Amino acid sequence: MLNAGRERVILMPEGVDIERLRERGVWLAEVCKAEGFRFSPQLHVDLWGAGRGV
């Protein structure tokens, strides 16, 4: 156990394509709001795609 406060936990949806990330991001954002976690999208996938090294 890290003893980190919920406000310090950041969750990010898993996926390699924009559609899946958006789909999972919708429900994950709701979980974050309900549980007091922070949410971070995978912005690099939106900007540059899911290729290696981006």
Protein backbone atom coordinates (compact mmCIF):
# COMPACT_ATOMS: atom_id res chain seq x y z
CA MET A 1 0.00 0.00 0.00
CA LEU A 2 1.40 3.36 -0.99
CA ASN A 3 -0.78 5.41 1.36
CA ALA A 4 -1.38 7.94 -1.44
CA GLY A 5 -4.55 10.01 -1.24
CA ARG A 6 -7.22 9.38 -3.86
CA GLU A 7 -6.63 12.87 -5.28
CA ARG A 8 -3.08 11.82 -6.19
CA VAL A 9 -4.14 8.73 -8.17
CA ILE A 10 -4.38 9.31 -11.95
CA LEU A 11 -6.21 6.78 -14.13
CA MET A 12 -5.84 6.54 -17.91
CA PRO A 13 -7.95 4.44 -20.32
CA GLU A 14 -6.17 1.55 -22.03
CA GLY A 15 -6.24 1.16 -25.79
CA VAL A 16 -4.36 1.86 -29.00
CA ASP A 17 -7.05 3.38 -31.21
CA ILE A 18 -8.97 6.59 -30.74
CA GLU A 19 -12.41 4.97 -30.79
CA ARG A 20 -11.59 2.48 -28.03
CA LEU A 21 -9.89 5.15 -25.91
CA ARG A 22 -12.93 7.42 -26.15
CA GLU A 23 -15.31 4.57 -25.36
CA ARG A 24 -13.33 3.51 -22.30
CA GLY A 25 -12.56 7.09 -21.32
CA VAL A 26 -16.26 7.93 -20.94
CA TRP A 27 -16.92 5.33 -18.28
CA LEU A 28 -13.49 5.70 -16.66
CA ALA A 29 -14.03 9.45 -16.23
CA GLU A 30 -17.28 8.68 -14.40
CA VAL A 31 -15.45 6.23 -12.12
CA CYS A 32 -12.83 8.89 -11.40
CA LYS A 33 -15.48 11.44 -10.48
CA ALA A 34 -17.30 8.99 -8.23
CA GLU A 35 -14.16 7.72 -6.48
CA GLY A 36 -12.17 10.95 -6.27
CA PHE A 37 -9.40 9.90 -8.67
CA ARG A 38 -7.90 12.08 -11.38
CA PHE A 39 -8.36 11.27 -15.08
CA SER A 40 -5.86 11.62 -17.91
CA PRO A 41 -6.62 10.87 -21.56
CA GLN A 42 -3.93 9.49 -23.84
CA LEU A 43 -3.54 12.77 -25.69
CA HIS A 44 -0.52 11.53 -27.63
CA VAL A 45 -2.73 8.95 -29.41
CA ASP A 46 -5.18 11.70 -30.43
CA LEU A 47 -2.37 13.91 -31.69
CA TRP A 48 0.03 11.46 -33.35
CA GLY A 49 -1.63 8.06 -33.46
CA ALA A 50 -0.61 4.85 -31.75
CA GLY A 51 2.70 4.19 -33.51
CA ARG A 52 5.81 3.26 -31.55
CA GLY A 53 7.98 6.10 -30.35
CA VAL A 54 5.33 8.81 -30.24
